[in-house]
C-alpha atoms as a PDB file:
ATOM      1  CA  MET A   1      -9.429 -14.805  12.434  1.00  0.00           C
ATOM      2  CA  VAL A   2      -7.494 -17.997  12.986  1.00  0.00           C
ATOM      3  CA  GLY A   3      -9.161 -20.588  10.784  1.00  0.00           C
ATOM      4  CA  ARG A   4     -12.797 -20.344  11.865  1.00  0.00           C
ATOM      5  CA  SER A   5     -11.997 -18.959  15.315  1.00  0.00           C
ATOM      6  CA  PRO A   6     -11.713 -15.303  16.316  1.00  0.00           C
ATOM      7  CA  VAL A   7      -8.393 -13.750  17.282  1.00  0.00           C
ATOM      8  CA  GLY A   8      -7.609 -14.391  20.932  1.00  0.00           C
ATOM      9  CA  THR A   9      -9.024 -17.918  21.116  1.00  0.00           C
ATOM     10  CA  ARG A  10      -7.750 -21.412  20.818  1.00  0.00           C
ATOM     11  CA  PRO A  11      -9.016 -22.777  17.495  1.00  0.00           C
ATOM     12  CA  PHE A  12     -12.231 -24.808  17.810  1.00  0.00           C
ATOM     13  CA  GLY A  13     -13.051 -24.240  21.446  1.00  0.00           C
ATOM     14  CA  ASP A  14     -11.547 -24.258  24.929  1.00  0.00           C
ATOM     15  CA  TRP A  15     -12.691 -20.706  25.641  1.00  0.00           C
ATOM     16  CA  ASP A  16     -11.002 -18.878  28.479  1.00  0.00           C
ATOM     17  CA  ASP A  17     -13.419 -16.174  29.644  1.00  0.00           C
ATOM     18  CA  SER A  18     -10.606 -14.036  31.033  1.00  0.00           C
ATOM     19  CA  GLN A  19      -8.675 -14.061  27.779  1.00  0.00           C
ATOM     20  CA  VAL A  20      -7.971 -10.756  26.073  1.00  0.00           C
ATOM     21  CA  ALA A  21      -6.010 -10.568  22.821  1.00  0.00           C
ATOM     22  CA  ARG A  22      -4.183  -7.306  22.204  1.00  0.00           C
ATOM     23  CA  SER A  23      -2.883  -6.387  18.752  1.00  0.00           C
ATOM     24  CA  ARG A  24      -0.498  -3.513  18.082  1.00  0.00           C
ATOM     25  CA  ALA A  25      -2.102  -0.990  15.700  1.00  0.00           C
ATOM     26  CA  PRO A  26       0.393   1.525  14.297  1.00  0.00           C
ATOM     27  CA  ILE A  27      -1.011   4.896  13.286  1.00  0.00           C
ATOM     28  CA  VAL A  28       1.321   6.598  10.806  1.00  0.00           C
ATOM     29  CA  PRO A  29       0.339  10.195   9.993  1.00  0.00           C
ATOM     30  CA  VAL A  30       1.169  10.843   6.328  1.00  0.00           C
ATOM     31  CA  ILE A  31       1.868  14.471   5.419  1.00  0.00           C
ATOM     32  CA  SER A  32       1.006  15.224   1.771  1.00  0.00           C
ATOM     33  CA  ASP A  33       3.476  17.735   0.305  1.00  0.00           C
ATOM     34  CA  LEU A  34       2.160  18.840  -3.108  1.00  0.00           C
ATOM     35  CA  ARG A  35       4.773  19.896  -5.662  1.00  0.00           C
ATOM     36  CA  ASN A  36       4.865  21.343  -9.176  1.00  0.00           C
ATOM     37  CA  PHE A  37       6.124  19.344 -12.180  1.00  0.00           C
ATOM     38  CA  ASP A  38       9.675  20.605 -11.544  1.00  0.00           C
ATOM     39  CA  GLY A  39       9.549  19.545  -7.877  1.00  0.00           C
ATOM     40  CA  SER A  40       9.241  23.071  -6.491  1.00  0.00           C
ATOM     41  CA  PRO A  41       6.725  23.699  -3.677  1.00  0.00           C
ATOM     42  CA  ARG A  42       3.203  24.296  -4.964  1.00  0.00           C
ATOM     43  CA  TYR A  43       1.065  27.206  -3.817  1.00  0.00           C
ATOM     44  CA  TYR A  44      -2.638  27.647  -4.326  1.00  0.00           C
ATOM     45  CA  ILE A  45      -3.501  30.418  -6.762  1.00  0.00           C
ATOM     46  CA  ILE A  46      -6.516  32.368  -5.512  1.00  0.00           C
ATOM     47  CA  PRO A  47      -9.125  33.218  -8.226  1.00  0.00           C
ATOM     48  CA  ASP A  48      -7.976  36.867  -8.253  1.00  0.00           C
ATOM     49  CA  GLY A  49      -4.519  35.621  -9.369  1.00  0.00           C
ATOM     50  CA  THR A  50      -2.639  36.146  -6.113  1.00  0.00           C
ATOM     51  CA  GLN A  51      -0.539  33.458  -4.497  1.00  0.00           C
ATOM     52  CA  GLY A  52      -2.345  31.620  -1.718  1.00  0.00           C
ATOM     53  CA  PRO A  53      -1.063  29.226   0.957  1.00  0.00           C
ATOM     54  CA  ARG A  54       1.514  26.473   0.495  1.00  0.00           C
ATOM     55  CA  MET A  55      -0.180  23.221  -0.549  1.00  0.00           C
ATOM     56  CA  ILE A  56       0.724  20.811   2.232  1.00  0.00           C
ATOM     57  CA  LEU A  57      -1.727  18.696   4.227  1.00  0.00           C
ATOM     58  CA  ASP A  58      -0.594  17.719   7.716  1.00  0.00           C
ATOM     59  CA  PRO A  59      -2.900  15.269   9.559  1.00  0.00           C
ATOM     60  CA  THR A  60      -0.835  15.097  12.775  1.00  0.00           C
ATOM     61  CA  GLN A  61      -3.224  17.500  14.501  1.00  0.00           C
ATOM     62  CA  PHE A  62      -5.979  14.877  14.192  1.00  0.00           C
ATOM     63  CA  ALA A  63      -4.178  12.085  16.089  1.00  0.00           C
ATOM     64  CA  PRO A  64      -6.076  12.825  19.348  1.00  0.00           C
ATOM     65  CA  GLN A  65      -9.439  12.549  17.546  1.00  0.00           C
ATOM     66  CA  VAL A  66      -8.388   9.247  15.957  1.00  0.00           C
ATOM     67  CA  LEU A  67      -7.342   7.873  19.345  1.00  0.00           C
ATOM     68  CA  ALA A  68     -10.651   9.031  20.853  1.00  0.00           C
ATOM     69  CA  SER A  69     -12.691   7.380  18.081  1.00  0.00           C
ATOM     70  CA  PRO A  70     -14.644   4.143  18.694  1.00  0.00           C
ATOM     71  CA  VAL A  71     -11.924   2.261  16.814  1.00  0.00           C
ATOM     72  CA  PHE A  72      -9.554   2.716  19.778  1.00  0.00           C
ATOM     73  CA  SER A  73     -11.714   3.987  22.665  1.00  0.00           C
ATOM     74  CA  PRO A  74     -14.471   2.116  24.499  1.00  0.00           C
ATOM     75  CA  SER A  75     -18.022   2.727  23.266  1.00  0.00           C
ATOM     76  CA  ARG A  76     -21.319   0.989  24.001  1.00  0.00           C
ATOM     77  CA  TYR A  77     -22.408  -1.866  21.727  1.00  0.00           C
ATOM     78  CA  ARG A  78     -25.099  -4.492  22.191  1.00  0.00           C
ATOM     79  CA  SER A  79     -22.612  -7.324  21.661  1.00  0.00           C
ATOM     80  CA  SER A  80     -20.741  -6.528  24.896  1.00  0.00           C
ATOM     81  CA  TRP A  81     -21.985  -5.953  28.438  1.00  0.00           C
ATOM     82  CA  ARG A  82     -19.294  -3.311  28.944  1.00  0.00           C
ATOM     83  CA  PRO A  83     -18.000  -0.579  26.605  1.00  0.00           C
ATOM     84  CA  THR A  84     -15.443  -1.870  24.112  1.00  0.00           C
ATOM     85  CA  GLN A  85     -13.734  -0.993  20.840  1.00  0.00           C
ATOM     86  CA  PHE A  86     -15.592  -1.174  17.527  1.00  0.00           C
ATOM     87  CA  THR A  87     -13.603  -4.096  16.076  1.00  0.00           C
ATOM     88  CA  ASP A  88     -14.049  -6.072  19.293  1.00  0.00           C
ATOM     89  CA  ALA A  89     -17.803  -5.420  19.206  1.00  0.00           C
ATOM     90  CA  VAL A  90     -17.992  -6.672  15.609  1.00  0.00           C
ATOM     91  CA  GLN A  91     -16.116  -9.884  16.437  1.00  0.00           C
ATOM     92  CA  ARG A  92     -18.206 -10.411  19.564  1.00  0.00           C
ATOM     93  CA  ALA A  93     -21.369 -10.046  17.444  1.00  0.00           C
ATOM     94  CA  GLN A  94     -20.070 -12.570  14.906  1.00  0.00           C
ATOM     95  CA  PHE A  95     -19.261 -15.088  17.647  1.00  0.00           C
ATOM     96  CA  TYR A  96     -22.060 -14.110  20.042  1.00  0.00           C
ATOM     97  CA  ASN A  97     -23.175 -17.665  20.806  1.00  0.00           C
ATOM     98  CA  THR A  98     -19.653 -19.017  21.394  1.00  0.00           C
ATOM     99  CA  ALA A  99     -17.600 -16.160  22.875  1.00  0.00           C
ATOM    100  CA  GLY A 100     -17.346 -16.027  26.633  1.00  0.00           C
ATOM    101  CA  PRO A 101     -18.129 -12.758  28.419  1.00  0.00           C
ATOM    102  CA  GLY A 102     -14.448 -12.090  29.189  1.00  0.00           C
ATOM    103  CA  TRP A 103     -13.195 -12.672  25.659  1.00  0.00           C
ATOM    104  CA  HIS A 104     -12.038  -9.500  23.877  1.00  0.00           C
ATOM    105  CA  SER A 105      -9.823  -8.596  20.912  1.00  0.00           C
ATOM    106  CA  LEU A 106      -8.433  -5.121  21.510  1.00  0.00           C
ATOM    107  CA  LEU A 107      -6.299  -2.806  19.417  1.00  0.00           C
ATOM    108  CA  VAL A 108      -3.366  -1.064  21.098  1.00  0.00           C
ATOM    109  CA  PRO A 109      -2.738   2.136  19.144  1.00  0.00           C
ATOM    110  CA  VAL A 110       0.812   3.392  18.679  1.00  0.00           C
ATOM    111  CA  VAL A 111       1.211   6.786  17.015  1.00  0.00           C
ATOM    112  CA  ALA A 112       4.374   6.581  14.918  1.00  0.00           C
ATOM    113  CA  GLN A 113       6.630   9.328  13.645  1.00  0.00           C
ATOM    114  CA  PRO A 114       4.866  11.209  10.800  1.00  0.00           C
ATOM    115  CA  ARG A 115       6.064  10.530   7.272  1.00  0.00           C
ATOM    116  CA  THR A 116       6.035  13.002   4.400  1.00  0.00           C
ATOM    117  CA  MET A 117       4.860  11.916   0.974  1.00  0.00           C
ATOM    118  CA  VAL A 118       6.076  14.357  -1.697  1.00  0.00           C
ATOM    119  CA  LEU A 119       3.635  14.290  -4.600  1.00  0.00           C
ATOM    120  CA  ILE A 120       4.483  15.643  -8.054  1.00  0.00           C
ATOM    121  CA  ARG A 121       1.731  17.564  -9.856  1.00  0.00           C
ATOM    122  CA  GLY A 122      -0.397  15.321 -12.045  1.00  0.00           C
ATOM    123  CA  CYS A 123      -0.737  12.362  -9.658  1.00  0.00           C
ATOM    124  CA  TYR A 124      -3.222  13.916  -7.242  1.00  0.00           C
ATOM    125  CA  PRO A 125      -6.578  15.724  -7.306  1.00  0.00           C
ATOM    126  CA  PHE A 126      -7.223  17.922  -4.280  1.00  0.00           C
ATOM    127  CA  ASP A 127      -9.871  20.022  -2.563  1.00  0.00           C
ATOM    128  CA  VAL A 128      -9.390  23.379  -0.831  1.00  0.00           C
ATOM    129  CA  ASP A 129     -11.482  25.491   1.517  1.00  0.00           C
ATOM    130  CA  SER A 130     -12.573  29.067   0.768  1.00  0.00           C
ATOM    131  CA  THR A 131      -9.167  30.430   1.858  1.00  0.00           C
ATOM    132  CA  GLY A 132      -7.164  28.050  -0.353  1.00  0.00           C
ATOM    133  CA  HIS A 133      -6.024  25.678   2.405  1.00  0.00           C
ATOM    134  CA  LEU A 134      -6.030  21.985   1.532  1.00  0.00           C
ATOM    135  CA  ARG A 135      -8.907  19.908   2.885  1.00  0.00           C
ATOM    136  CA  SER A 136      -8.168  16.644   1.095  1.00  0.00           C
ATOM    137  CA  VAL A 137      -5.807  15.011  -1.387  1.00  0.00           C
ATOM    138  CA  LEU A 138      -6.571  11.862  -3.380  1.00  0.00           C
ATOM    139  CA  VAL A 139      -3.382   9.996  -4.195  1.00  0.00           C
ATOM    140  CA  ASP A 140      -3.188   7.565  -7.111  1.00  0.00           C
ATOM    141  CA  GLU A 141      -3.011   4.044  -5.667  1.00  0.00           C
ATOM    142  CA  ASN A 142       0.144   3.178  -7.624  1.00  0.00           C
ATOM    143  CA  VAL A 143       1.895   6.328  -6.385  1.00  0.00           C
ATOM    144  CA  PHE A 144       0.808   5.674  -2.787  1.00  0.00           C
ATOM    145  CA  GLY A 145       1.830   2.016  -3.053  1.00  0.00           C
ATOM    146  CA  GLY A 146       5.225   3.026  -4.438  1.00  0.00           C
ATOM    147  CA  GLU A 147       5.783   5.352  -1.493  1.00  0.00           C
ATOM    148  CA  ARG A 148       4.445   2.844   1.023  1.00  0.00           C
ATOM    149  CA  PHE A 149       6.174  -0.269  -0.309  1.00  0.00           C
ATOM    150  CA  PRO A 150       9.366   0.804  -2.103  1.00  0.00           C
ATOM    151  CA  PRO A 151      11.159  -1.712  -4.331  1.00  0.00           C
ATOM    152  CA  THR A 152      14.232  -1.444  -2.099  1.00  0.00           C
ATOM    153  CA  ALA A 153      14.135  -0.767   1.614  1.00  0.00           C
ATOM    154  CA  ALA A 154      17.601   0.711   2.179  1.00  0.00           C
ATOM    155  CA  PRO A 155      18.470   3.491   2.616  1.00  0.00           C
ATOM    156  CA  ARG A 156      14.990   4.881   1.993  1.00  0.00           C
ATOM    157  CA  ALA A 157      12.714   5.176   5.019  1.00  0.00           C
ATOM    158  CA  ARG A 158       9.098   4.978   3.946  1.00  0.00           C
ATOM    159  CA  ILE A 159       5.631   4.735   5.406  1.00  0.00           C
ATOM    160  CA  ALA A 160       5.592   0.930   5.614  1.00  0.00           C
ATOM    161  CA  THR A 161       8.825   1.071   7.605  1.00  0.00           C
ATOM    162  CA  ALA A 162       7.088   2.988  10.368  1.00  0.00           C
ATOM    163  CA  ALA A 163       4.181   0.564  10.512  1.00  0.00           C
ATOM    164  CA  GLY A 164       5.982  -2.700   9.931  1.00  0.00           C
ATOM    165  CA  THR A 165       9.199  -2.741  11.912  1.00  0.00           C
ATOM    166  CA  GLY A 166       8.050  -1.666  15.349  1.00  0.00           C
ATOM    167  CA  GLN A 167      10.460   1.256  15.223  1.00  0.00           C
ATOM    168  CA  GLU A 168       8.863   4.564  16.037  1.00  0.00           C
ATOM    169  CA  GLU A 169      11.610   6.638  14.436  1.00  0.00           C
ATOM    170  CA  VAL A 170      13.696   6.027  11.377  1.00  0.00           C
ATOM    171  CA  ALA A 171      16.833   8.094  10.781  1.00  0.00           C
ATOM    172  CA  LEU A 172      16.792   9.598   7.305  1.00  0.00           C
ATOM    173  CA  PRO A 173      20.057  10.205   5.444  1.00  0.00           C
ATOM    174  CA  GLU A 174      21.215  13.850   5.321  1.00  0.00           C
ATOM    175  CA  GLY A 175      19.254  15.745   2.646  1.00  0.00           C
ATOM    176  CA  PHE A 176      16.953  12.791   1.910  1.00  0.00           C
ATOM    177  CA  GLU A 177      13.520  13.733   0.631  1.00  0.00           C
ATOM    178  CA  PRO A 178      11.092  11.056  -0.605  1.00  0.00           C
ATOM    179  CA  SER A 179       9.479  11.860  -3.929  1.00  0.00           C
ATOM    180  CA  TYR A 180       7.666  10.337  -6.862  1.00  0.00           C
ATOM    181  CA  GLN A 181       8.959  10.812 -10.370  1.00  0.00           C
ATOM    182  CA  PRO A 182       6.318   9.946 -13.012  1.00  0.00           C
END
């Protein structure tokens, strides 16, 4: 929104029916690397006491499904005569009586380099499947915020760097490994 006008318009009128606003939408896959209190890799312990799989959750395999979702791919909505993205359909519905038929606000997805968030035991609950592989990890908001928005930007490359600078790759110093120390 710009004031009371949707993105891609001149505030308060002067609609251009051929106008399309495109906004860059970075997608940063965040790999969750679960660690023990001492920082060593954590493994799931199966109920019979044997060591199960390494506890790391890598979402990079789901990037194609995210790109194919209605958030980024055209789908049918009643607010548009042609298939469009979900966010565009919502804005078109909100401004149905004033938006011209050619007006659209589209997201341009950019899949960035994955980032790894190393999480020390005690700051995350998790869920596993029947074989002990991670299905989900809930990260404390303060821990996630600390990893996403570090107090100092250099030389640490973090998640916000990938989304905010327009750079798709950030060179990490030799041996650098992001972590959270409670």
